[in-house]
């Protein structure tokens, strides 16, 4: 079973930045897999934030476009999410997984809290 380990979440003030990291060391096909960052805000369902294919082509939901950057290091089987100009409504647990996540495997996630 794939194991995702997310890190980098923290308490940050509105307008601040964070860089999230996710390792997927057991994902044999990481190099060619499209990977995504998702988030679940309190009281909401999990939503896709961004995804990136094996060749580095990225897509974002409109609300984070121009503020978030997804990237990957295939050699390290690691996924990143640079988040700038964070907003309070982006307080959530952030997860990484394949996109689409057909086997519904999830890690523990990392908590991002945006508050003054």
C-alpha atoms as a PDB file:
ATOM      1  CA  UNK A   1       0.000   0.000   0.000  1.00  0.00           C
ATOM      2  CA  UNK A   2       1.196   3.470  -0.842  1.00  0.00           C
ATOM      3  CA  UNK A   3       2.300   5.539   2.133  1.00  0.00           C
ATOM      4  CA  UNK A   4       2.218   9.311   1.949  1.00  0.00           C
ATOM      5  CA  UNK A   5       3.992  11.423   4.547  1.00  0.00           C
ATOM      6  CA  UNK A   6       3.146  15.121   4.515  1.00  0.00           C
ATOM      7  CA  UNK A   7       4.974  17.811   6.466  1.00  0.00           C
ATOM      8  CA  UNK A   8       5.535  21.525   6.604  1.00  0.00           C
ATOM      9  CA  UNK A   9       2.214  22.712   7.946  1.00  0.00           C
ATOM     10  CA  UNK A  10       2.181  25.424  10.584  1.00  0.00           C
ATOM     11  CA  UNK A  11       0.389  28.438  11.983  1.00  0.00           C
ATOM     12  CA  UNK A  12       0.942  31.400   9.688  1.00  0.00           C
ATOM     13  CA  UNK A  13      -0.486  34.892   9.497  1.00  0.00           C
ATOM     14  CA  UNK A  14      -2.660  35.990   6.583  1.00  0.00           C
ATOM     15  CA  UNK A  15      -0.461  36.876   3.672  1.00  0.00           C
ATOM     16  CA  UNK A  16       2.251  34.529   4.847  1.00  0.00           C
ATOM     17  CA  UNK A  17       3.924  31.632   3.069  1.00  0.00           C
ATOM     18  CA  UNK A  18       4.518  27.953   3.667  1.00  0.00           C
ATOM     19  CA  UNK A  19       6.191  25.161   1.759  1.00  0.00           C
ATOM     20  CA  UNK A  20       4.658  21.718   2.160  1.00  0.00           C
ATOM     21  CA  UNK A  21       6.490  18.483   1.454  1.00  0.00           C
ATOM     22  CA  UNK A  22       5.179  15.005   0.765  1.00  0.00           C
ATOM     23  CA  UNK A  23       7.166  11.825   0.338  1.00  0.00           C
ATOM     24  CA  UNK A  24       5.743   8.743  -1.343  1.00  0.00           C
ATOM     25  CA  UNK A  25       8.623   6.353  -0.922  1.00  0.00           C
ATOM     26  CA  UNK A  26       6.566   3.225  -1.573  1.00  0.00           C
ATOM     27  CA  UNK A  27       4.974   4.485  -4.771  1.00  0.00           C
ATOM     28  CA  UNK A  28       6.840   2.489  -7.368  1.00  0.00           C
ATOM     29  CA  UNK A  29       5.411   4.419 -10.300  1.00  0.00           C
ATOM     30  CA  UNK A  30       5.961   7.860  -8.781  1.00  0.00           C
ATOM     31  CA  UNK A  31       8.015   9.054 -11.735  1.00  0.00           C
ATOM     32  CA  UNK A  32       5.124   8.705 -14.158  1.00  0.00           C
ATOM     33  CA  UNK A  33       2.226   9.252 -11.758  1.00  0.00           C
ATOM     34  CA  UNK A  34       0.219  12.432 -11.742  1.00  0.00           C
ATOM     35  CA  UNK A  35       0.348  13.659  -8.155  1.00  0.00           C
ATOM     36  CA  UNK A  36      -1.925  16.084  -6.401  1.00  0.00           C
ATOM     37  CA  UNK A  37      -2.254  18.218  -3.325  1.00  0.00           C
ATOM     38  CA  UNK A  38      -5.643  18.189  -1.659  1.00  0.00           C
ATOM     39  CA  UNK A  39      -7.059  19.906   1.395  1.00  0.00           C
ATOM     40  CA  UNK A  40      -9.925  19.464   3.813  1.00  0.00           C
ATOM     41  CA  UNK A  41     -11.129  22.541   5.643  1.00  0.00           C
ATOM     42  CA  UNK A  42     -13.163  22.175   8.847  1.00  0.00           C
ATOM     43  CA  UNK A  43     -16.688  21.070   7.996  1.00  0.00           C
ATOM     44  CA  UNK A  44     -15.896  20.563   4.314  1.00  0.00           C
ATOM     45  CA  UNK A  45     -15.045  17.682   2.063  1.00  0.00           C
ATOM     46  CA  UNK A  46     -11.603  17.089   0.650  1.00  0.00           C
ATOM     47  CA  UNK A  47     -10.866  19.163  -2.440  1.00  0.00           C
ATOM     48  CA  UNK A  48      -8.116  19.110  -5.026  1.00  0.00           C
ATOM     49  CA  UNK A  49      -5.795  22.112  -4.916  1.00  0.00           C
ATOM     50  CA  UNK A  50      -3.288  21.341  -7.651  1.00  0.00           C
ATOM     51  CA  UNK A  51      -1.843  18.449  -9.603  1.00  0.00           C
ATOM     52  CA  UNK A  52       1.303  17.825 -11.584  1.00  0.00           C
ATOM     53  CA  UNK A  53       2.076  15.099 -14.093  1.00  0.00           C
ATOM     54  CA  UNK A  54       5.293  13.158 -14.416  1.00  0.00           C
ATOM     55  CA  UNK A  55       6.635  15.647 -16.923  1.00  0.00           C
ATOM     56  CA  UNK A  56       6.078  18.610 -14.635  1.00  0.00           C
ATOM     57  CA  UNK A  57       2.949  20.068 -16.175  1.00  0.00           C
ATOM     58  CA  UNK A  58       0.865  21.606 -13.414  1.00  0.00           C
ATOM     59  CA  UNK A  59      -2.749  22.624 -12.985  1.00  0.00           C
ATOM     60  CA  UNK A  60      -4.369  24.614 -10.193  1.00  0.00           C
ATOM     61  CA  UNK A  61      -7.819  25.405  -8.981  1.00  0.00           C
ATOM     62  CA  UNK A  62      -8.694  29.010  -9.773  1.00  0.00           C
ATOM     63  CA  UNK A  63      -8.618  30.136  -6.164  1.00  0.00           C
ATOM     64  CA  UNK A  64      -4.905  29.366  -5.737  1.00  0.00           C
ATOM     65  CA  UNK A  65      -3.654  30.188  -9.217  1.00  0.00           C
ATOM     66  CA  UNK A  66      -0.689  32.598  -9.161  1.00  0.00           C
ATOM     67  CA  UNK A  67      -0.203  32.049  -5.413  1.00  0.00           C
ATOM     68  CA  UNK A  68       0.592  28.332  -5.103  1.00  0.00           C
ATOM     69  CA  UNK A  69       3.261  26.367  -6.941  1.00  0.00           C
ATOM     70  CA  UNK A  70       3.335  22.593  -7.102  1.00  0.00           C
ATOM     71  CA  UNK A  71       6.585  20.839  -7.942  1.00  0.00           C
ATOM     72  CA  UNK A  72       8.204  17.453  -7.668  1.00  0.00           C
ATOM     73  CA  UNK A  73      11.538  15.688  -7.347  1.00  0.00           C
ATOM     74  CA  UNK A  74      11.132  12.309  -9.009  1.00  0.00           C
ATOM     75  CA  UNK A  75      14.493  11.057  -7.786  1.00  0.00           C
ATOM     76  CA  UNK A  76      13.411  11.626  -4.195  1.00  0.00           C
ATOM     77  CA  UNK A  77       9.773  10.638  -4.791  1.00  0.00           C
ATOM     78  CA  UNK A  78       8.839  13.928  -3.202  1.00  0.00           C
ATOM     79  CA  UNK A  79       6.108  16.430  -3.948  1.00  0.00           C
ATOM     80  CA  UNK A  80       6.097  20.074  -2.871  1.00  0.00           C
ATOM     81  CA  UNK A  81       3.550  22.846  -2.551  1.00  0.00           C
ATOM     82  CA  UNK A  82       4.780  26.401  -2.153  1.00  0.00           C
ATOM     83  CA  UNK A  83       1.935  28.523  -0.841  1.00  0.00           C
ATOM     84  CA  UNK A  84       2.125  32.310  -0.855  1.00  0.00           C
ATOM     85  CA  UNK A  85      -0.296  35.024   0.218  1.00  0.00           C
ATOM     86  CA  UNK A  86      -2.247  32.565   2.353  1.00  0.00           C
ATOM     87  CA  UNK A  87      -5.805  33.396   3.358  1.00  0.00           C
ATOM     88  CA  UNK A  88      -7.680  32.452   6.547  1.00  0.00           C
ATOM     89  CA  UNK A  89     -10.167  30.406   4.537  1.00  0.00           C
ATOM     90  CA  UNK A  90      -7.289  28.188   3.432  1.00  0.00           C
ATOM     91  CA  UNK A  91      -6.978  26.796   6.922  1.00  0.00           C
ATOM     92  CA  UNK A  92      -7.180  23.052   6.370  1.00  0.00           C
ATOM     93  CA  UNK A  93      -5.419  19.746   6.578  1.00  0.00           C
ATOM     94  CA  UNK A  94      -3.376  19.325   3.414  1.00  0.00           C
ATOM     95  CA  UNK A  95      -2.796  15.926   1.850  1.00  0.00           C
ATOM     96  CA  UNK A  96      -0.940  14.569  -1.126  1.00  0.00           C
ATOM     97  CA  UNK A  97      -1.903  11.568  -3.209  1.00  0.00           C
ATOM     98  CA  UNK A  98      -2.064  10.368  -6.740  1.00  0.00           C
ATOM     99  CA  UNK A  99      -4.506  12.170  -8.992  1.00  0.00           C
ATOM    100  CA  UNK A 100      -7.015  10.738  -9.348  1.00  0.00           C
ATOM    101  CA  UNK A 101      -6.734   8.843  -6.100  1.00  0.00           C
ATOM    102  CA  UNK A 102      -8.424   5.672  -7.287  1.00  0.00           C
ATOM    103  CA  UNK A 103      -7.353   3.488  -4.363  1.00  0.00           C
ATOM    104  CA  UNK A 104      -8.357   6.132  -1.817  1.00  0.00           C
ATOM    105  CA  UNK A 105      -5.010   5.960  -0.005  1.00  0.00           C
ATOM    106  CA  UNK A 106      -4.303   8.940   2.231  1.00  0.00           C
ATOM    107  CA  UNK A 107      -1.615   9.968   4.668  1.00  0.00           C
ATOM    108  CA  UNK A 108      -2.097  11.812   7.958  1.00  0.00           C
ATOM    109  CA  UNK A 109      -1.904  15.168   6.253  1.00  0.00           C
ATOM    110  CA  UNK A 110      -0.336  18.327   7.596  1.00  0.00           C
ATOM    111  CA  UNK A 111      -2.264  21.094   9.337  1.00  0.00           C
ATOM    112  CA  UNK A 112      -2.114  24.590   7.897  1.00  0.00           C
ATOM    113  CA  UNK A 113      -3.684  27.308  10.016  1.00  0.00           C
ATOM    114  CA  UNK A 114      -3.910  30.836   8.672  1.00  0.00           C
ATOM    115  CA  UNK A 115      -4.782  33.227  11.452  1.00  0.00           C
ATOM    116  CA  UNK A 116      -3.673  36.516  12.926  1.00  0.00           C
END
